[in-house]
Amino acid sequence: AEVYAANADTSVKRTILRAYMLGGDHERLFAAAKSEKDESLRREAIRQLGLVHGVGELEQLYQMEASTDLRREILQAFFLAGESGKLVQAAQSEKDPELRRAAIRNLGLIHSDDSAKALQAIYGRETDRGLKEEVLNAYFLQGNAAALVAIARGEKDAELKKTAVSKLSLMHSKEATDYLMELLQK
């Protein structure tokens, strides 16, 4: 910690942050993520916290951070930690639509039943078209053809339905192909 604090060279500090990560040192990574003046080093500390599964520390940072960019970085760190619960929470309750979009995108990168169910719930409640499109992107990232087919079947908004079908046309899955063939036969 003394070497980190005494050094002004960002490349040395970055190396020290990586050493903290390798050592699983949540406390020092958290301290750097909280108080480092250089934003690129703060970002690095946040990423490293994600890699060591410092979910509690990331949650504290998210609550106290004002910068949208750094909050987005924290959402990415939740993904790195495999913490879908915090991403679901942000996707459902975050006031900033940009951060909600980032949380939804990161949920799409987590291939689990829980994240798929959360995306389904978000899509069902969401009124913002852009965020609904982000859910469609998240399903595409998951390779979740079944969810996209379900949305395409039930969606009343022609543009959203078109987006879902477009994503299905890019997927190489039996479910997607079967649905597209069904559309062609109508």
Protein backbone atom coordinates (compact mmCIF):
# COMPACT_ATOMS: atom_id res chain seq x y z
CA ALA A 1 0.00 0.00 0.00
CA GLU A 2 2.88 2.36 0.79
CA VAL A 3 4.52 1.67 -2.58
CA TYR A 4 1.21 2.37 -4.35
CA ALA A 5 0.61 5.63 -2.47
CA ALA A 6 4.21 6.83 -2.87
CA ASN A 7 4.39 6.18 -6.61
CA ALA A 8 3.25 8.68 -9.24
CA ASP A 9 3.89 6.45 -12.29
CA THR A 10 0.52 5.17 -13.56
CA SER A 11 2.03 2.07 -15.17
CA VAL A 12 3.61 1.08 -11.84
CA LYS A 13 0.33 1.74 -10.05
CA ARG A 14 -1.55 -0.33 -12.65
CA THR A 15 0.89 -3.21 -12.05
CA ILE A 16 0.36 -2.91 -8.29
CA LEU A 17 -3.43 -3.01 -8.78
CA ARG A 18 -3.05 -6.21 -10.80
CA ALA A 19 -0.88 -7.66 -8.03
CA TYR A 20 -3.62 -6.80 -5.53
CA MET A 21 -6.08 -8.66 -7.77
CA LEU A 22 -3.82 -11.71 -8.01
CA GLY A 23 -3.50 -11.67 -4.23
CA GLY A 24 -7.26 -11.29 -3.79
CA ASP A 25 -6.73 -8.07 -1.82
CA HIS A 26 -10.26 -6.62 -1.80
CA GLU A 27 -9.41 -4.00 0.80
CA ARG A 28 -6.60 -2.30 -1.14
CA LEU A 29 -8.49 -2.52 -4.45
CA PHE A 30 -11.51 -0.95 -2.76
CA ALA A 31 -9.34 1.83 -1.31
CA ALA A 32 -7.87 2.58 -4.76
CA ALA A 33 -11.30 2.46 -6.43
CA LYS A 34 -12.60 4.91 -3.83
CA SER A 35 -9.82 7.42 -3.52
CA GLU A 36 -7.52 7.25 -6.57
CA LYS A 37 -7.38 10.64 -8.33
CA ASP A 38 -6.54 9.23 -11.79
CA GLU A 39 -9.81 8.02 -13.36
CA SER A 40 -8.11 5.36 -15.50
CA LEU A 41 -6.59 3.84 -12.36
CA ARG A 42 -9.96 3.99 -10.60
CA ARG A 43 -11.45 2.11 -13.57
CA GLU A 44 -8.67 -0.46 -13.33
CA ALA A 45 -9.26 -0.92 -9.59
CA ILE A 46 -13.01 -1.34 -10.21
CA ARG A 47 -12.37 -3.98 -12.91
CA GLN A 48 -9.95 -5.82 -10.65
CA LEU A 49 -12.55 -5.78 -7.85
CA GLY A 50 -14.94 -7.50 -10.25
CA LEU A 51 -12.35 -10.15 -11.05
CA VAL A 52 -11.84 -10.94 -7.34
CA HIS A 53 -15.63 -11.05 -6.79
CA GLY A 54 -15.60 -7.98 -4.55
CA VAL A 55 -19.36 -7.63 -4.86
CA GLY A 56 -19.90 -5.94 -1.49
CA GLU A 57 -17.24 -3.35 -2.25
CA LEU A 58 -18.62 -2.79 -5.76
CA GLU A 59 -22.09 -2.30 -4.33
CA GLN A 60 -20.78 0.34 -1.92
CA LEU A 61 -18.95 2.09 -4.76
CA TYR A 62 -22.07 2.04 -6.93
CA GLN A 63 -24.13 3.67 -4.17
CA MET A 64 -21.64 6.50 -3.58
CA GLU A 65 -20.36 7.12 -7.13
CA ALA A 66 -21.78 10.14 -8.98
CA SER A 67 -20.01 9.66 -12.33
CA THR A 68 -22.15 7.84 -14.91
CA ASP A 69 -19.02 6.52 -16.62
CA LEU A 70 -17.66 5.01 -13.41
CA ARG A 71 -21.07 3.61 -12.48
CA ARG A 72 -21.16 1.93 -15.91
CA GLU A 73 -17.70 0.51 -15.15
CA ILE A 74 -19.04 -0.86 -11.85
CA LEU A 75 -21.90 -2.56 -13.71
CA GLN A 76 -19.29 -4.15 -15.99
CA ALA A 77 -17.39 -5.30 -12.89
CA PHE A 78 -20.59 -6.93 -11.57
CA PHE A 79 -20.64 -8.87 -14.85
CA LEU A 80 -16.98 -9.84 -14.40
CA ALA A 81 -17.90 -11.11 -10.94
CA GLY A 82 -20.81 -13.10 -12.41
CA GLU A 83 -23.16 -11.14 -10.16
CA SER A 84 -26.43 -11.13 -12.08
CA GLY A 85 -28.46 -10.11 -9.02
CA LYS A 86 -26.92 -6.63 -8.85
CA LEU A 87 -27.32 -6.23 -12.61
CA VAL A 88 -31.00 -7.18 -12.35
CA GLN A 89 -31.41 -4.66 -9.55
CA ALA A 90 -29.82 -1.89 -11.65
CA ALA A 91 -31.77 -2.89 -14.78
CA GLN A 92 -35.05 -2.65 -12.87
CA SER A 93 -34.55 0.33 -10.57
CA GLU A 94 -31.78 2.56 -11.92
CA LYS A 95 -33.10 6.04 -12.80
CA ASP A 96 -30.53 6.72 -15.55
CA PRO A 97 -31.68 4.95 -18.77
CA GLU A 98 -28.07 4.72 -20.00
CA LEU A 99 -27.09 2.76 -16.88
CA ARG A 100 -30.21 0.59 -17.16
CA ARG A 101 -29.20 -0.16 -20.76
CA ALA A 102 -25.67 -1.11 -19.62
CA ALA A 103 -27.08 -3.40 -16.92
CA ILE A 104 -29.39 -5.11 -19.44
CA ARG A 105 -26.52 -5.55 -21.91
CA ASN A 106 -24.36 -7.12 -19.21
CA LEU A 107 -27.22 -9.44 -18.24
CA GLY A 108 -27.23 -10.64 -21.83
CA LEU A 109 -23.62 -11.69 -21.41
CA ILE A 110 -24.50 -13.94 -18.48
CA HIS A 111 -25.83 -17.22 -19.84
CA SER A 112 -28.09 -18.43 -17.06
CA ASP A 113 -31.74 -19.21 -16.46
CA ASP A 114 -31.85 -16.47 -13.81
CA SER A 115 -30.65 -13.77 -16.19
CA ALA A 116 -33.05 -14.98 -18.91
CA LYS A 117 -35.98 -14.84 -16.45
CA ALA A 118 -34.91 -11.39 -15.29
CA LEU A 119 -34.76 -10.16 -18.89
CA GLN A 120 -38.24 -11.57 -19.49
CA ALA A 121 -39.58 -9.70 -16.45
CA ILE A 122 -37.86 -6.48 -17.52
CA TYR A 123 -39.24 -6.76 -21.07
CA GLY A 124 -42.75 -7.34 -19.76
CA ARG A 125 -42.70 -4.29 -17.49
CA GLU A 126 -40.65 -1.93 -19.65
CA THR A 127 -42.35 0.91 -21.53
CA ASP A 128 -39.24 2.49 -23.06
CA ARG A 129 -38.78 1.11 -26.60
CA GLY A 130 -34.99 1.59 -26.51
CA LEU A 131 -34.71 -0.50 -23.37
CA LYS A 132 -36.98 -3.18 -24.84
CA GLU A 133 -34.66 -3.29 -27.86
CA GLU A 134 -31.73 -3.68 -25.47
CA VAL A 135 -33.48 -6.71 -23.95
CA LEU A 136 -33.83 -8.16 -27.47
CA ASN A 137 -30.09 -7.58 -27.96
CA ALA A 138 -29.39 -9.26 -24.63
CA TYR A 139 -31.38 -12.34 -25.67
CA PHE A 140 -29.45 -12.38 -28.95
CA LEU A 141 -26.14 -12.22 -27.04
CA GLN A 142 -27.32 -15.16 -24.92
CA GLY A 143 -28.27 -17.11 -28.03
CA ASN A 144 -31.71 -17.38 -26.46
CA ALA A 145 -33.82 -18.10 -29.54
CA ALA A 146 -36.72 -19.43 -27.44
CA ALA A 147 -37.14 -16.07 -25.70
CA LEU A 148 -36.92 -14.15 -28.99
CA VAL A 149 -39.51 -16.47 -30.57
CA ALA A 150 -41.83 -15.96 -27.58
CA ILE A 151 -41.49 -12.18 -27.94
CA ALA A 152 -41.95 -12.28 -31.73
CA ARG A 153 -45.13 -14.34 -31.28
CA GLY A 154 -46.67 -12.06 -28.68
CA GLU A 155 -45.36 -8.58 -29.48
CA LYS A 156 -48.00 -6.11 -30.70
CA ASP A 157 -45.49 -3.39 -31.65
CA ALA A 158 -44.58 -4.11 -35.28
CA GLU A 159 -41.11 -2.54 -35.02
CA LEU A 160 -40.15 -4.56 -31.94
CA LYS A 161 -41.50 -7.73 -33.56
CA LYS A 162 -39.45 -6.94 -36.67
CA THR A 163 -36.33 -6.47 -34.52
CA ALA A 164 -36.90 -9.82 -32.79
CA VAL A 165 -37.42 -11.60 -36.13
CA SER A 166 -34.33 -9.90 -37.56
CA LYS A 167 -32.23 -11.21 -34.68
CA LEU A 168 -33.73 -14.68 -35.09
CA SER A 169 -32.70 -14.65 -38.77
CA LEU A 170 -29.07 -14.34 -37.65
CA MET A 171 -29.24 -17.25 -35.22
CA HIS A 172 -28.36 -20.77 -36.19
CA SER A 173 -30.78 -22.67 -34.01
CA LYS A 174 -33.62 -25.05 -34.72
CA GLU A 175 -36.11 -22.90 -32.78
CA ALA A 176 -35.23 -19.80 -34.79
CA THR A 177 -35.36 -21.66 -38.12
CA ASP A 178 -38.67 -23.33 -37.26
CA TYR A 179 -40.24 -19.98 -36.37
CA LEU A 180 -38.92 -18.30 -39.52
CA MET A 181 -40.28 -21.16 -41.65
CA GLU A 182 -43.62 -20.76 -39.89
CA LEU A 183 -43.64 -17.05 -40.83
CA LEU A 184 -42.84 -17.85 -44.45
CA GLN A 185 -45.74 -20.29 -44.65
CA LYS A 186 -48.29 -17.70 -43.51
